[in-house]
Amino acid sequence: MRTTRRLVRSGLTLAAAAALPAWLAGPSAAVSGISVSTTGTTVSVVTSACTQNNGSWGNASLLNSAQSSFAQGRQAALAGTTVSQSAAWSGVSPGTYTVVVVCSNGGTAGNQSVIVSAAAAPPAPTVPTTSSTSRSAAPSRGVMGGLGGAARDYGPLTLGIGAALVGSGVIAAGWYLRKRSKPYRL
């Protein structure tokens, strides 16, 4: 009888622990619906989250660090099909930017940060030297110390899963310590 109760209780505990990450992620944690890429000084965004409304898919905006709203950035209209819509900006100066996509129905498809590096200079002609020292180009922006994992926006789903794993670890540690102090209890 006691063994059956213990098995039922431990089964319920395991079921609750298994359901916890899914519950924490919930419906509010959606994957960002955009993909941003850079090639030289061109920034492009691709999404499939927008639907056509009144002949328009929506707009995308490229915001620098001094701009805080969608209307302040360089805007580009989305173009494409029902499968994929895209926009691009060329001649973007080096720096950190945020790309925001707003669909024609007013909903935000997502936002993502991107770093645009300086355009690579063409290689200099090779001149034979007699010196044995070697030169390497200095980084254009220096070391981005202190950013760590903040250099990329991981989105709410990844953060929700991470929080769920940390929460399950805390619950498991508490359960283990409780069981260890009183081994006759579950």
Protein backbone atom coordinates (compact mmCIF):
# COMPACT_ATOMS: atom_id res chain seq x y z
CA MET A 1 0.00 0.00 0.00
CA ARG A 2 2.76 2.43 0.96
CA THR A 3 4.77 1.50 -2.10
CA THR A 4 1.78 2.20 -4.34
CA ARG A 5 1.26 5.65 -2.77
CA ARG A 6 4.93 6.47 -3.18
CA LEU A 7 4.85 5.44 -6.82
CA VAL A 8 1.73 7.51 -7.47
CA ARG A 9 3.18 10.56 -5.69
CA SER A 10 6.51 10.30 -7.46
CA GLY A 11 4.72 9.81 -10.80
CA LEU A 12 2.65 12.93 -10.21
CA THR A 13 5.76 14.86 -9.18
CA LEU A 14 7.60 13.77 -12.32
CA ALA A 15 4.58 14.63 -14.50
CA ALA A 16 4.40 18.08 -12.93
CA ALA A 17 8.13 18.60 -13.40
CA ALA A 18 7.86 17.53 -17.04
CA ALA A 19 4.91 19.86 -17.69
CA LEU A 20 6.56 22.85 -16.00
CA PRO A 21 8.77 23.94 -18.95
CA ALA A 22 5.83 23.80 -21.37
CA TRP A 23 3.64 25.75 -18.96
CA LEU A 24 6.31 28.40 -18.41
CA ALA A 25 6.89 28.81 -22.15
CA GLY A 26 3.12 29.19 -22.67
CA PRO A 27 1.47 30.80 -25.65
CA SER A 28 3.03 34.21 -24.99
CA ALA A 29 6.53 32.98 -25.82
CA ALA A 30 6.56 33.01 -29.59
CA VAL A 31 9.54 32.62 -31.84
CA SER A 32 10.66 35.87 -33.46
CA GLY A 33 9.15 35.89 -36.93
CA ILE A 34 12.06 37.60 -38.67
CA SER A 35 15.54 36.72 -39.87
CA VAL A 36 18.10 39.50 -40.30
CA SER A 37 21.40 39.20 -42.18
CA THR A 38 24.20 41.51 -43.29
CA THR A 39 26.49 41.42 -46.28
CA GLY A 40 29.03 44.21 -46.25
CA THR A 41 27.00 47.41 -45.82
CA THR A 42 23.67 45.84 -46.84
CA VAL A 43 21.16 44.74 -44.20
CA SER A 44 18.27 42.50 -45.21
CA VAL A 45 15.29 41.07 -43.34
CA VAL A 46 13.07 38.12 -44.26
CA THR A 47 9.78 37.13 -42.64
CA SER A 48 6.81 34.92 -43.31
CA ALA A 49 4.64 36.30 -40.50
CA CYS A 50 2.81 39.02 -42.46
CA THR A 51 -0.32 38.75 -44.59
CA GLN A 52 -1.22 41.06 -47.42
CA ASN A 53 -3.73 43.74 -46.47
CA ASN A 54 -4.91 46.41 -48.96
CA GLY A 55 -2.08 45.51 -51.35
CA SER A 56 0.66 45.93 -48.74
CA TRP A 57 2.62 43.39 -46.69
CA GLY A 58 3.88 45.96 -44.20
CA ASN A 59 7.07 47.89 -43.47
CA ALA A 60 10.45 47.23 -41.93
CA SER A 61 12.46 49.86 -40.08
CA LEU A 62 16.20 50.04 -39.41
CA LEU A 63 16.85 51.86 -36.11
CA ASN A 64 20.24 52.99 -34.84
CA SER A 65 21.02 53.25 -31.12
CA ALA A 66 19.76 56.85 -30.90
CA GLN A 67 16.35 56.02 -32.38
CA SER A 68 13.66 54.45 -30.25
CA SER A 69 10.50 54.22 -32.34
CA PHE A 70 9.55 52.53 -35.59
CA ALA A 71 8.83 55.85 -37.35
CA GLN A 72 12.28 57.29 -36.63
CA GLY A 73 14.26 54.64 -38.53
CA ARG A 74 15.00 54.10 -42.20
CA GLN A 75 11.85 52.42 -43.50
CA ALA A 76 11.48 49.97 -46.36
CA ALA A 77 8.30 48.37 -47.66
CA LEU A 78 8.09 44.58 -47.50
CA ALA A 79 7.85 42.81 -50.85
CA GLY A 80 7.33 39.13 -51.63
CA THR A 81 4.77 36.37 -51.68
CA THR A 82 2.54 34.60 -49.17
CA VAL A 83 5.49 32.35 -48.33
CA SER A 84 8.15 34.99 -47.70
CA GLN A 85 8.42 38.78 -47.53
CA SER A 86 11.66 40.77 -47.44
CA ALA A 87 13.18 44.24 -47.30
CA ALA A 88 16.76 45.52 -47.59
CA TRP A 89 18.81 48.64 -46.90
CA SER A 90 22.09 49.33 -48.70
CA GLY A 91 24.89 51.72 -47.78
CA VAL A 92 24.41 51.23 -44.04
CA SER A 93 27.27 52.71 -42.02
CA PRO A 94 29.03 50.53 -39.43
CA GLY A 95 27.30 50.24 -36.07
CA THR A 96 24.67 48.38 -34.09
CA TYR A 97 21.11 48.52 -35.38
CA THR A 98 17.70 47.09 -34.53
CA VAL A 99 15.42 45.86 -37.31
CA VAL A 100 11.68 46.03 -36.58
CA VAL A 101 9.03 44.55 -38.90
CA VAL A 102 5.42 45.76 -38.64
CA CYS A 103 2.85 43.97 -40.77
CA SER A 104 0.11 45.83 -42.66
CA ASN A 105 -2.45 44.75 -40.03
CA GLY A 106 -0.49 46.71 -37.38
CA GLY A 107 1.01 43.66 -35.63
CA THR A 108 4.74 43.41 -35.04
CA ALA A 109 6.33 40.40 -36.73
CA GLY A 110 9.46 40.75 -34.61
CA ASN A 111 12.61 42.71 -33.94
CA GLN A 112 16.25 41.73 -33.94
CA SER A 113 19.59 43.46 -33.36
CA VAL A 114 22.33 43.35 -35.96
CA ILE A 115 25.92 44.61 -36.09
CA VAL A 116 27.15 46.08 -39.36
CA SER A 117 30.94 45.94 -39.71
CA ALA A 118 33.06 48.26 -41.79
CA ALA A 119 33.35 47.27 -45.43
CA ALA A 120 36.50 45.32 -46.12
CA ALA A 121 39.11 47.25 -48.08
CA PRO A 122 40.51 45.60 -51.18
CA PRO A 123 43.73 43.74 -50.49
CA ALA A 124 46.88 45.82 -50.87
CA PRO A 125 49.46 44.70 -53.42
CA THR A 126 52.11 42.48 -51.95
CA VAL A 127 55.48 44.15 -51.62
CA PRO A 128 58.47 42.04 -50.65
CA THR A 129 59.97 43.17 -47.36
CA THR A 130 63.17 42.31 -45.59
CA SER A 131 61.68 42.80 -42.14
CA SER A 132 60.66 39.74 -40.15
CA THR A 133 57.86 41.48 -38.27
CA SER A 134 54.29 40.72 -39.18
CA ARG A 135 51.40 43.11 -39.13
CA SER A 136 47.78 42.38 -38.48
CA ALA A 137 44.90 44.76 -38.91
CA ALA A 138 43.42 46.16 -35.72
CA PRO A 139 39.75 45.44 -35.12
CA SER A 140 37.59 48.28 -36.41
CA ARG A 141 35.38 48.43 -33.29
CA GLY A 142 37.81 47.12 -30.73
CA VAL A 143 36.95 44.46 -28.23
CA MET A 144 33.26 44.41 -27.34
CA GLY A 145 33.97 43.64 -23.70
CA GLY A 146 31.10 43.17 -21.32
CA LEU A 147 28.49 42.19 -23.89
CA GLY A 148 28.80 38.45 -23.37
CA GLY A 149 25.53 36.81 -24.36
CA ALA A 150 23.83 40.17 -24.85
CA ALA A 151 25.31 40.55 -28.34
CA ARG A 152 22.45 38.47 -29.74
CA ASP A 153 18.73 38.67 -29.10
CA TYR A 154 17.61 35.11 -28.37
CA GLY A 155 13.87 35.75 -28.19
CA PRO A 156 11.25 34.87 -25.62
CA LEU A 157 11.04 31.14 -26.43
CA THR A 158 14.74 30.54 -25.72
CA LEU A 159 14.58 32.63 -22.56
CA GLY A 160 11.43 30.79 -21.42
CA ILE A 161 13.06 27.41 -21.94
CA GLY A 162 16.15 28.57 -20.04
CA ALA A 163 14.01 29.84 -17.16
CA ALA A 164 12.11 26.53 -17.13
CA LEU A 165 15.35 24.55 -16.92
CA VAL A 166 16.62 26.70 -14.06
CA GLY A 167 13.27 26.40 -12.28
CA SER A 168 13.20 22.60 -12.69
CA GLY A 169 16.75 22.42 -11.34
CA VAL A 170 15.75 24.41 -8.26
CA ILE A 171 12.70 22.21 -7.69
CA ALA A 172 14.74 19.02 -8.15
CA ALA A 173 17.43 20.26 -5.74
CA GLY A 174 14.82 21.14 -3.12
CA TRP A 175 13.11 17.77 -3.51
CA TYR A 176 16.46 15.95 -3.21
CA LEU A 177 17.47 17.86 -0.08
CA ARG A 178 14.07 17.26 1.51
CA LYS A 179 14.24 13.55 0.72
CA ARG A 180 17.80 13.35 2.05
CA SER A 181 16.90 14.93 5.40
CA LYS A 182 13.88 12.65 5.88
CA PRO A 183 14.40 9.50 3.83
CA TYR A 184 11.09 7.94 4.86
CA ARG A 185 9.18 10.76 3.10
CA LEU A 186 8.84 11.39 -0.61
